[in-house]
Protein backbone atom coordinates (compact mmCIF):
# COMPACT_ATOMS: atom_id res chain seq x y z
CA UNK A 1 8.81 31.87 -7.58
CA UNK A 2 6.93 28.72 -8.57
CA UNK A 3 4.57 28.58 -11.52
CA UNK A 4 1.03 27.63 -10.36
CA UNK A 5 0.75 24.95 -13.06
CA UNK A 6 3.99 23.35 -11.86
CA UNK A 7 2.84 23.48 -8.23
CA UNK A 8 -0.46 21.79 -9.16
CA UNK A 9 1.29 19.17 -11.31
CA UNK A 10 3.75 18.38 -8.51
CA UNK A 11 0.89 18.11 -5.99
CA UNK A 12 -1.03 15.81 -8.35
CA UNK A 13 1.99 13.53 -8.79
CA UNK A 14 2.66 13.38 -5.05
CA UNK A 15 -1.00 12.60 -4.34
CA UNK A 16 -0.89 9.86 -7.01
CA UNK A 17 2.10 8.43 -5.19
CA UNK A 18 0.14 8.36 -1.90
CA UNK A 19 -2.71 6.51 -3.63
CA UNK A 20 -0.31 3.97 -5.19
CA UNK A 21 1.31 3.39 -1.80
CA UNK A 22 -2.12 2.71 -0.30
CA UNK A 23 -2.96 0.24 -3.08
CA UNK A 24 0.31 -1.62 -2.46
CA UNK A 25 -0.31 -1.72 1.29
CA UNK A 26 -3.90 -2.92 0.85
CA UNK A 27 -2.70 -5.75 -1.40
CA UNK A 28 -0.68 -6.95 1.57
CA UNK A 29 -3.73 -7.11 3.85
CA UNK A 30 -4.86 -10.69 3.99
CA UNK A 31 -8.32 -11.65 2.81
CA UNK A 32 -9.88 -15.10 2.65
CA UNK A 33 -8.06 -15.80 -0.64
CA UNK A 34 -4.38 -16.46 -1.15
CA UNK A 35 -2.60 -13.99 -3.43
CA UNK A 36 1.17 -13.76 -4.09
CA UNK A 37 1.18 -10.01 -3.29
CA UNK A 38 0.49 -10.91 0.36
CA UNK A 39 4.03 -12.19 0.86
CA UNK A 40 6.10 -10.97 -2.10
CA UNK A 41 7.58 -7.99 -0.21
CA UNK A 42 8.07 -9.90 3.05
CA UNK A 43 11.63 -9.11 4.27
CA UNK A 44 13.87 -12.16 4.61
CA UNK A 45 17.24 -12.10 6.40
CA UNK A 46 19.27 -13.54 3.52
CA UNK A 47 22.92 -13.81 4.55
CA UNK A 48 22.70 -10.65 6.65
CA UNK A 49 20.79 -8.54 4.08
CA UNK A 50 17.06 -7.90 4.31
CA UNK A 51 15.78 -9.09 0.92
CA UNK A 52 12.18 -9.14 -0.37
CA UNK A 53 10.86 -12.69 -0.69
CA UNK A 54 10.09 -12.22 -4.39
CA UNK A 55 13.85 -11.95 -5.04
CA UNK A 56 14.52 -15.32 -3.44
CA UNK A 57 11.99 -17.54 -5.19
CA UNK A 58 8.88 -17.97 -7.29
CA UNK A 59 5.58 -17.31 -5.53
CA UNK A 60 2.43 -18.94 -6.88
CA UNK A 61 -1.19 -19.53 -5.83
CA UNK A 62 -1.93 -23.10 -6.99
CA UNK A 63 -5.25 -23.10 -5.08
CA UNK A 64 -7.53 -20.33 -3.76
CA UNK A 65 -6.41 -20.97 -0.16
CA UNK A 66 -2.78 -21.97 -0.74
CA UNK A 67 0.44 -20.23 -1.70
CA UNK A 68 3.64 -21.97 -2.70
CA UNK A 69 7.15 -20.53 -2.66
CA UNK A 70 9.77 -22.25 -4.83
CA UNK A 71 13.03 -21.07 -3.21
CA UNK A 72 15.95 -20.88 -5.66
CA UNK A 73 18.74 -21.22 -3.08
CA UNK A 74 18.57 -24.25 -0.77
CA UNK A 75 20.45 -22.30 1.89
CA UNK A 76 17.66 -19.72 2.06
CA UNK A 77 14.82 -22.13 2.87
CA UNK A 78 15.17 -21.81 6.67
CA UNK A 79 15.41 -18.00 6.45
CA UNK A 80 12.28 -17.80 4.25
CA UNK A 81 10.39 -20.15 6.56
CA UNK A 82 11.39 -18.06 9.61
CA UNK A 83 10.36 -14.79 7.90
CA UNK A 84 6.92 -16.20 7.05
CA UNK A 85 6.34 -17.57 10.55
CA UNK A 86 7.40 -14.35 12.30
CA UNK A 87 5.25 -12.16 10.03
CA UNK A 88 1.84 -10.99 11.26
CA UNK A 89 0.03 -13.09 8.62
CA UNK A 90 -0.52 -16.02 10.97
CA UNK A 91 0.59 -18.65 8.45
CA UNK A 92 2.28 -21.99 9.03
CA UNK A 93 4.64 -23.43 6.46
CA UNK A 94 5.05 -26.97 5.19
CA UNK A 95 8.47 -27.57 3.61
CA UNK A 96 8.60 -29.97 0.66
CA UNK A 97 12.14 -30.01 -0.75
CA UNK A 98 12.79 -26.49 -2.04
CA UNK A 99 9.08 -25.61 -2.01
CA UNK A 100 7.25 -24.09 0.92
CA UNK A 101 3.49 -24.52 1.03
CA UNK A 102 1.39 -21.99 2.92
CA UNK A 103 -2.22 -23.05 3.55
CA UNK A 104 -4.55 -20.17 4.40
CA UNK A 105 -7.02 -20.99 7.16
CA UNK A 106 -10.42 -19.28 6.87
CA UNK A 107 -10.53 -15.92 8.64
CA UNK A 108 -12.43 -15.75 11.91
CA UNK A 109 -14.98 -12.99 12.46
CA UNK A 110 -12.70 -11.24 14.97
CA UNK A 111 -9.73 -11.40 12.57
CA UNK A 112 -11.90 -9.90 9.80
CA UNK A 113 -12.86 -7.02 12.09
CA UNK A 114 -9.20 -6.45 12.98
CA UNK A 115 -8.32 -6.40 9.28
CA UNK A 116 -11.10 -3.88 8.59
CA UNK A 117 -9.67 -1.63 11.34
CA UNK A 118 -6.25 -1.95 9.71
CA UNK A 119 -7.73 -0.94 6.34
CA UNK A 120 -9.41 2.09 7.97
CA UNK A 121 -6.08 3.13 9.52
CA UNK A 122 -4.22 2.79 6.21
CA UNK A 123 -6.85 4.79 4.31
CA UNK A 124 -6.80 7.51 6.96
CA UNK A 125 -3.00 7.68 6.73
CA UNK A 126 -3.34 8.16 2.97
CA UNK A 127 -5.95 10.90 3.42
CA UNK A 128 -3.60 12.69 5.82
CA UNK A 129 -0.71 12.36 3.35
CA UNK A 130 -2.87 13.84 0.57
CA UNK A 131 -3.99 16.73 2.79
CA UNK A 132 -0.35 17.40 3.70
CA UNK A 133 0.52 17.63 0.01
CA UNK A 134 -2.40 20.02 -0.46
CA UNK A 135 -1.22 22.19 2.44
CA UNK A 136 2.32 22.31 1.06
CA UNK A 137 1.08 23.27 -2.43
CA UNK A 138 -1.25 25.88 -0.93
CA UNK A 139 1.68 27.41 0.97
CA UNK A 140 3.72 27.55 -2.26
CA UNK A 141 0.86 29.33 -4.05
CA UNK A 142 0.50 31.84 -1.21
CA UNK A 143 4.24 32.55 -1.30
CA UNK A 144 3.98 33.26 -5.04
CA UNK A 145 1.06 35.62 -4.45
CA UNK A 146 2.89 37.46 -1.64
CA UNK A 147 6.00 37.92 -3.77
CA UNK A 148 3.88 39.42 -6.55
CA UNK A 149 4.42 36.57 -9.04
CA UNK A 150 0.75 35.55 -8.85
CA UNK A 151 -2.36 37.72 -8.88
CA UNK A 152 -5.13 37.26 -6.33
CA UNK A 153 -7.48 35.96 -9.05
CA UNK A 154 -4.88 33.44 -10.20
CA UNK A 155 -4.39 32.37 -6.58
CA UNK A 156 -8.13 31.76 -6.14
CA UNK A 157 -8.27 29.83 -9.44
CA UNK A 158 -5.25 27.73 -8.45
CA UNK A 159 -6.70 27.05 -4.97
CA UNK A 160 -9.94 25.84 -6.58
CA UNK A 161 -7.99 23.55 -8.94
CA UNK A 162 -5.89 22.26 -6.03
CA UNK A 163 -9.03 21.44 -4.04
CA UNK A 164 -10.50 19.59 -7.04
CA UNK A 165 -7.33 17.51 -7.37
CA UNK A 166 -7.38 16.79 -3.64
CA UNK A 167 -11.06 15.78 -3.68
CA UNK A 168 -10.43 13.42 -6.60
CA UNK A 169 -7.57 11.67 -4.78
CA UNK A 170 -9.49 11.43 -1.48
CA UNK A 171 -12.39 9.83 -3.40
CA UNK A 172 -9.98 7.30 -4.93
CA UNK A 173 -8.56 6.47 -1.48
CA UNK A 174 -12.06 6.02 -0.04
CA UNK A 175 -13.08 3.80 -2.98
CA UNK A 176 -9.99 1.59 -2.55
CA UNK A 177 -10.65 1.32 1.19
CA UNK A 178 -14.31 0.36 0.69
CA UNK A 179 -13.35 -2.19 -1.98
CA UNK A 180 -10.85 -3.85 0.36
CA UNK A 181 -13.31 -3.76 3.26
CA UNK A 182 -15.97 -5.50 1.14
CA UNK A 183 -13.37 -8.08 0.09
CA UNK A 184 -12.51 -8.73 3.75
CA UNK A 185 -16.10 -9.09 4.88
CA UNK A 186 -16.98 -11.38 1.98
CA UNK A 187 -17.47 -14.94 3.20
């Protein structure tokens, strides 16, 4: 069956992946400041293929409350503009040649609260994903013990290590969520 060290290493890597996914998703949650990561993965219908915005142009933040997108293909300007306007970011675009300017209005109190709820939901989803990885690894360890490949003492030791890994990742998720929440509530 599976070696306990391999099971723990696999669980650790999968939990790391859940944390990285959360960090990426939280970067896309809008705060009061403009940051290119807010729109870089925005899907654009580019000649029938859904393409991330970062593959269609250069995204920059020339001012704290403004993003600019320098679109490389003139034919893609309308598609990029449409993708930005239909996104849930609530941004309006100003087209200037091949450059789109996106001014960021200040967040209202209600919008900030909605964003905080979104952050809570994303962090909870990550916690659930981490606990699912723990459950799967725990099942693998139990199977090894039942088949006689792992002693009861080794099972207990591995379960303790697995819980420590899980606790560490949950703490990281909570820290990232609190950091983003503080960023959202900052005026």
